[in-house]
PDB file of all heavy atoms in Angstrom:
ATOM      1  N   ALA A   1     135.762 109.315-129.331  1.00  0.00           N
ATOM      2  CA  ALA A   1     135.987 108.678-128.014  1.00  0.00           C
ATOM      3  C   ALA A   1     135.971 107.134-128.181  1.00  0.00           C
ATOM      4  O   ALA A   1     136.705 106.475-127.502  1.00  0.00           O
ATOM      5  CB  ALA A   1     134.999 109.115-127.029  1.00  0.00           C
ATOM      6  N   GLU A   2     135.226 106.652-129.091  1.00  0.00           N
ATOM      7  CA  GLU A   2     135.082 105.130-129.379  1.00  0.00           C
ATOM      8  C   GLU A   2     136.200 104.633-130.268  1.00  0.00           C
ATOM      9  O   GLU A   2     136.354 103.514-130.523  1.00  0.00           O
ATOM     10  CB  GLU A   2     133.724 104.796-129.955  1.00  0.00           C
ATOM     11  CG  GLU A   2     132.553 104.908-129.039  1.00  0.00           C
ATOM     12  CD  GLU A   2     131.241 104.554-129.713  1.00  0.00           C
ATOM     13  OE1 GLU A   2     131.290 104.271-130.933  1.00  0.00           O
ATOM     14  OE2 GLU A   2     130.261 104.429-129.025  1.00  0.00           O
ATOM     15  N   GLY A   3     136.978 105.611-130.846  1.00  0.00           N
ATOM     16  CA  GLY A   3     138.107 105.252-131.747  1.00  0.00           C
ATOM     17  C   GLY A   3     137.652 105.073-133.201  1.00  0.00           C
ATOM     18  O   GLY A   3     138.436 104.547-133.969  1.00  0.00           O
ATOM     19  N   ASP A   4     136.452 105.521-133.605  1.00  0.00           N
ATOM     20  CA  ASP A   4     135.928 105.318-134.971  1.00  0.00           C
ATOM     21  C   ASP A   4     136.273 106.676-135.646  1.00  0.00           C
ATOM     22  O   ASP A   4     135.332 107.552-135.658  1.00  0.00           O
ATOM     23  CB  ASP A   4     134.476 105.037-135.021  1.00  0.00           C
ATOM     24  CG  ASP A   4     133.985 104.662-136.371  1.00  0.00           C
ATOM     25  OD1 ASP A   4     134.627 105.151-137.362  1.00  0.00           O
ATOM     26  OD2 ASP A   4     132.988 103.953-136.488  1.00  0.00           O
ATOM     27  N   GLU A   5     137.501 106.926-136.017  1.00  0.00           N
ATOM     28  CA  GLU A   5     137.894 108.179-136.554  1.00  0.00           C
ATOM     29  C   GLU A   5     137.263 108.485-137.920  1.00  0.00           C
ATOM     30  O   GLU A   5     137.003 109.676-138.262  1.00  0.00           O
ATOM     31  CB  GLU A   5     139.400 108.251-136.654  1.00  0.00           C
ATOM     32  CG  GLU A   5     139.889 109.636-137.025  1.00  0.00           C
ATOM     33  CD  GLU A   5     139.387 110.735-136.093  1.00  0.00           C
ATOM     34  OE1 GLU A   5     139.274 110.599-134.911  1.00  0.00           O
ATOM     35  OE2 GLU A   5     138.984 111.858-136.659  1.00  0.00           O
ATOM     36  N   SER A   6     136.949 107.453-138.698  1.00  0.00           N
ATOM     37  CA  SER A   6     136.273 107.792-140.003  1.00  0.00           C
ATOM     38  C   SER A   6     134.866 108.396-139.792  1.00  0.00           C
ATOM     39  O   SER A   6     134.494 109.403-140.419  1.00  0.00           O
ATOM     40  CB  SER A   6     136.221 106.603-140.837  1.00  0.00           C
ATOM     41  OG  SER A   6     135.243 105.595-140.341  1.00  0.00           O
ATOM     42  N   LEU A   7     134.093 107.856-138.786  1.00  0.00           N
ATOM     43  CA  LEU A   7     132.807 108.496-138.483  1.00  0.00           C
ATOM     44  C   LEU A   7     132.978 109.861-137.784  1.00  0.00           C
ATOM     45  O   LEU A   7     132.245 110.798-138.211  1.00  0.00           O
ATOM     46  CB  LEU A   7     131.978 107.510-137.600  1.00  0.00           C
ATOM     47  CG  LEU A   7     131.147 106.513-138.293  1.00  0.00           C
ATOM     48  CD1 LEU A   7     130.333 105.711-137.255  1.00  0.00           C
ATOM     49  CD2 LEU A   7     130.153 107.142-139.233  1.00  0.00           C
ATOM     50  N   ALA A   8     133.943 109.853-136.967  1.00  0.00           N
ATOM     51  CA  ALA A   8     134.198 111.257-136.271  1.00  0.00           C
ATOM     52  C   ALA A   8     134.552 112.252-137.276  1.00  0.00           C
ATOM     53  O   ALA A   8     134.040 113.454-137.166  1.00  0.00           O
ATOM     54  CB  ALA A   8     135.309 111.033-135.256  1.00  0.00           C
ATOM     55  N   ALA A   9     135.427 111.976-138.228  1.00  0.00           N
ATOM     56  CA  ALA A   9     135.872 113.003-139.169  1.00  0.00           C
ATOM     57  C   ALA A   9     134.685 113.354-140.080  1.00  0.00           C
ATOM     58  O   ALA A   9     134.473 114.597-140.326  1.00  0.00           O
ATOM     59  CB  ALA A   9     136.886 112.425-140.088  1.00  0.00           C
ATOM     60  N   LEU A  10     133.868 112.443-140.500  1.00  0.00           N
ATOM     61  CA  LEU A  10     132.633 112.823-141.312  1.00  0.00           C
ATOM     62  C   LEU A  10     131.750 113.679-140.528  1.00  0.00           C
ATOM     63  O   LEU A  10     131.333 114.726-141.079  1.00  0.00           O
ATOM     64  CB  LEU A  10     131.977 111.531-141.746  1.00  0.00           C
ATOM     65  CG  LEU A  10     130.636 111.698-142.456  1.00  0.00           C
ATOM     66  CD1 LEU A  10     130.837 112.313-143.817  1.00  0.00           C
ATOM     67  CD2 LEU A  10     129.791 110.462-142.505  1.00  0.00           C
ATOM     68  N   TYR A  11     131.460 113.343-139.276  1.00  0.00           N
ATOM     69  CA  TYR A  11     130.542 114.146-138.474  1.00  0.00           C
ATOM     70  C   TYR A  11     131.062 115.537-138.186  1.00  0.00           C
ATOM     71  O   TYR A  11     130.332 116.484-138.018  1.00  0.00           O
ATOM     72  CB  TYR A  11     129.953 113.416-137.299  1.00  0.00           C
ATOM     73  CG  TYR A  11     128.912 112.485-137.690  1.00  0.00           C
ATOM     74  CD1 TYR A  11     129.048 111.074-137.726  1.00  0.00           C
ATOM     75  CD2 TYR A  11     127.682 113.005-138.186  1.00  0.00           C
ATOM     76  CE1 TYR A  11     127.992 110.263-138.185  1.00  0.00           C
ATOM     77  CE2 TYR A  11     126.684 112.159-138.700  1.00  0.00           C
ATOM     78  CZ  TYR A  11     126.834 110.808-138.709  1.00  0.00           C
ATOM     79  OH  TYR A  11     125.826 110.054-139.142  1.00  0.00           O
ATOM     80  N   ARG A  12     132.432 115.620-137.945  1.00  0.00           N
ATOM     81  CA  ARG A  12     132.999 117.021-137.785  1.00  0.00           C
ATOM     82  C   ARG A  12     132.726 117.894-138.963  1.00  0.00           C
ATOM     83  O   ARG A  12     132.311 119.017-138.859  1.00  0.00           O
ATOM     84  CB  ARG A  12     134.506 116.906-137.512  1.00  0.00           C
ATOM     85  CG  ARG A  12     134.821 116.660-135.984  1.00  0.00           C
ATOM     86  CD  ARG A  12     136.346 116.828-135.713  1.00  0.00           C
ATOM     87  NE  ARG A  12     137.182 115.909-136.473  1.00  0.00           N
ATOM     88  CZ  ARG A  12     137.446 114.691-135.923  1.00  0.00           C
ATOM     89  NH1 ARG A  12     136.942 114.258-134.832  1.00  0.00           N
ATOM     90  NH2 ARG A  12     138.254 113.787-136.665  1.00  0.00           N
ATOM     91  N   ALA A  13     133.008 117.329-140.137  1.00  0.00           N
ATOM     92  CA  ALA A  13     132.855 118.116-141.372  1.00  0.00           C
ATOM     93  C   ALA A  13     131.380 118.417-141.677  1.00  0.00           C
ATOM     94  O   ALA A  13     131.005 119.531-141.930  1.00  0.00           O
ATOM     95  CB  ALA A  13     133.413 117.286-142.569  1.00  0.00           C
ATOM     96  N   LEU A  14     130.524 117.494-141.455  1.00  0.00           N
ATOM     97  CA  LEU A  14     129.046 117.753-141.650  1.00  0.00           C
ATOM     98  C   LEU A  14     128.506 118.702-140.598  1.00  0.00           C
ATOM     99  O   LEU A  14     127.698 119.557-140.858  1.00  0.00           O
ATOM    100  CB  LEU A  14     128.260 116.434-141.655  1.00  0.00           C
ATOM    101  CG  LEU A  14     128.615 115.454-142.718  1.00  0.00           C
ATOM    102  CD1 LEU A  14     127.721 114.168-142.595  1.00  0.00           C
ATOM    103  CD2 LEU A  14     128.400 116.107-144.136  1.00  0.00           C
ATOM    104  N   GLY A  15     129.045 118.596-139.391  1.00  0.00           N
ATOM    105  CA  GLY A  15     128.624 119.536-138.312  1.00  0.00           C
ATOM    106  C   GLY A  15     128.999 121.015-138.673  1.00  0.00           C
ATOM    107  O   GLY A  15     128.185 121.898-138.425  1.00  0.00           O
ATOM    108  N   ASP A  16     130.181 121.095-139.156  1.00  0.00           N
ATOM    109  CA  ASP A  16     130.673 122.487-139.603  1.00  0.00           C
ATOM    110  C   ASP A  16     129.757 123.042-140.662  1.00  0.00           C
ATOM    111  O   ASP A  16     129.370 124.261-140.674  1.00  0.00           O
ATOM    112  CB  ASP A  16     132.136 122.471-140.045  1.00  0.00           C
ATOM    113  CG  ASP A  16     133.077 122.269-139.011  1.00  0.00           C
ATOM    114  OD1 ASP A  16     132.686 122.362-137.786  1.00  0.00           O
ATOM    115  OD2 ASP A  16     134.267 121.951-139.338  1.00  0.00           O
ATOM    116  N   ALA A  17     129.354 122.190-141.607  1.00  0.00           N
ATOM    117  CA  ALA A  17     128.456 122.674-142.756  1.00  0.00           C
ATOM    118  C   ALA A  17     127.108 123.030-142.115  1.00  0.00           C
ATOM    119  O   ALA A  17     126.502 124.120-142.511  1.00  0.00           O
ATOM    120  CB  ALA A  17     128.273 121.606-143.687  1.00  0.00           C
ATOM    121  N   GLU A  18     126.544 122.257-141.175  1.00  0.00           N
ATOM    122  CA  GLU A  18     125.231 122.618-140.602  1.00  0.00           C
ATOM    123  C   GLU A  18     125.353 123.991-139.897  1.00  0.00           C
ATOM    124  O   GLU A  18     124.364 124.722-139.900  1.00  0.00           O
ATOM    125  CB  GLU A  18     124.791 121.591-139.569  1.00  0.00           C
ATOM    126  CG  GLU A  18     124.670 120.191-140.210  1.00  0.00           C
ATOM    127  CD  GLU A  18     123.654 120.165-141.363  1.00  0.00           C
ATOM    128  OE1 GLU A  18     122.390 120.421-141.165  1.00  0.00           O
ATOM    129  OE2 GLU A  18     124.036 119.821-142.503  1.00  0.00           O
ATOM    130  N   ASP A  19     126.469 124.311-139.232  1.00  0.00           N
ATOM    131  CA  ASP A  19     126.639 125.552-138.586  1.00  0.00           C
ATOM    132  C   ASP A  19     126.510 126.698-139.621  1.00  0.00           C
ATOM    133  O   ASP A  19     125.879 127.770-139.396  1.00  0.00           O
ATOM    134  CB  ASP A  19     127.941 125.600-137.854  1.00  0.00           C
ATOM    135  CG  ASP A  19     128.098 126.796-136.967  1.00  0.00           C
ATOM    136  OD1 ASP A  19     127.016 127.227-136.359  1.00  0.00           O
ATOM    137  OD2 ASP A  19     129.207 127.300-136.887  1.00  0.00           O
ATOM    138  N   ARG A  20     127.194 126.555-140.765  1.00  0.00           N
ATOM    139  CA  ARG A  20     127.130 127.564-141.812  1.00  0.00           C
ATOM    140  C   ARG A  20     125.728 127.752-142.316  1.00  0.00           C
ATOM    141  O   ARG A  20     125.239 128.837-142.588  1.00  0.00           O
ATOM    142  CB  ARG A  20     128.010 127.162-142.955  1.00  0.00           C
ATOM    143  CG  ARG A  20     129.545 127.358-142.703  1.00  0.00           C
ATOM    144  CD  ARG A  20     130.338 127.282-143.972  1.00  0.00           C
ATOM    145  NE  ARG A  20     129.958 126.130-144.885  1.00  0.00           N
ATOM    146  CZ  ARG A  20     130.366 124.884-144.809  1.00  0.00           C
ATOM    147  NH1 ARG A  20     131.100 124.542-143.785  1.00  0.00           N
ATOM    148  NH2 ARG A  20     129.970 124.006-145.701  1.00  0.00           N
ATOM    149  N   HIS A  21     125.004 126.584-142.484  1.00  0.00           N
ATOM    150  CA  HIS A  21     123.605 126.631-142.924  1.00  0.00           C
ATOM    151  C   HIS A  21     122.686 127.414-142.025  1.00  0.00           C
ATOM    152  O   HIS A  21     121.933 128.146-142.432  1.00  0.00           O
ATOM    153  CB  HIS A  21     123.026 125.238-143.257  1.00  0.00           C
ATOM    154  CG  HIS A  21     123.941 124.425-144.219  1.00  0.00           C
ATOM    155  ND1 HIS A  21     123.712 123.079-144.363  1.00  0.00           N
ATOM    156  CD2 HIS A  21     124.852 124.806-145.170  1.00  0.00           C
ATOM    157  CE1 HIS A  21     124.541 122.696-145.378  1.00  0.00           C
ATOM    158  NE2 HIS A  21     125.220 123.686-145.796  1.00  0.00           N
ATOM    159  N   ALA A  22     122.945 127.152-140.715  1.00  0.00           N
ATOM    160  CA  ALA A  22     122.035 127.799-139.716  1.00  0.00           C
ATOM    161  C   ALA A  22     122.294 129.358-139.831  1.00  0.00           C
ATOM    162  O   ALA A  22     121.264 130.072-139.840  1.00  0.00           O
ATOM    163  CB  ALA A  22     122.385 127.310-138.357  1.00  0.00           C
ATOM    164  N   GLU A  23     123.481 129.775-139.962  1.00  0.00           N
ATOM    165  CA  GLU A  23     123.792 131.197-140.065  1.00  0.00           C
ATOM    166  C   GLU A  23     123.234 131.794-141.332  1.00  0.00           C
ATOM    167  O   GLU A  23     122.767 133.002-141.293  1.00  0.00           O
ATOM    168  CB  GLU A  23     125.239 131.453-139.889  1.00  0.00           C
ATOM    169  CG  GLU A  23     125.766 131.291-138.494  1.00  0.00           C
ATOM    170  CD  GLU A  23     124.989 132.150-137.473  1.00  0.00           C
ATOM    171  OE1 GLU A  23     124.759 133.276-137.724  1.00  0.00           O
ATOM    172  OE2 GLU A  23     124.658 131.622-136.339  1.00  0.00           O
ATOM    173  N   LEU A  24     123.277 131.025-142.378  1.00  0.00           N
ATOM    174  CA  LEU A  24     122.721 131.543-143.709  1.00  0.00           C
ATOM    175  C   LEU A  24     121.224 131.725-143.609  1.00  0.00           C
ATOM    176  O   LEU A  24     120.730 132.818-143.954  1.00  0.00           O
ATOM    177  CB  LEU A  24     123.042 130.508-144.843  1.00  0.00           C
ATOM    178  CG  LEU A  24     122.339 130.800-146.155  1.00  0.00           C
ATOM    179  CD1 LEU A  24     122.806 132.084-146.744  1.00  0.00           C
ATOM    180  CD2 LEU A  24     122.661 129.691-147.092  1.00  0.00           C
ATOM    181  N   TYR A  25     120.529 130.776-143.058  1.00  0.00           N
ATOM    182  CA  TYR A  25     119.074 130.917-142.900  1.00  0.00           C
ATOM    183  C   TYR A  25     118.718 132.055-141.919  1.00  0.00           C
ATOM    184  O   TYR A  25     117.784 132.834-142.246  1.00  0.00           O
ATOM    185  CB  TYR A  25     118.449 129.601-142.357  1.00  0.00           C
ATOM    186  CG  TYR A  25     118.185 128.561-143.428  1.00  0.00           C
ATOM    187  CD1 TYR A  25     118.814 127.363-143.349  1.00  0.00           C
ATOM    188  CD2 TYR A  25     117.366 128.800-144.394  1.00  0.00           C
ATOM    189  CE1 TYR A  25     118.595 126.404-144.253  1.00  0.00           C
ATOM    190  CE2 TYR A  25     117.010 127.828-145.401  1.00  0.00           C
ATOM    191  CZ  TYR A  25     117.629 126.556-145.320  1.00  0.00           C
ATOM    192  OH  TYR A  25     117.421 125.618-146.296  1.00  0.00           O
TER     193      TYR A  25
END
């Protein structure tokens, strides 16, 4: 929303990984 697409893309990818990790645990 702030226009910082590089941070947004990083956090989208990392967020997806955290979701997988939660399900694994």
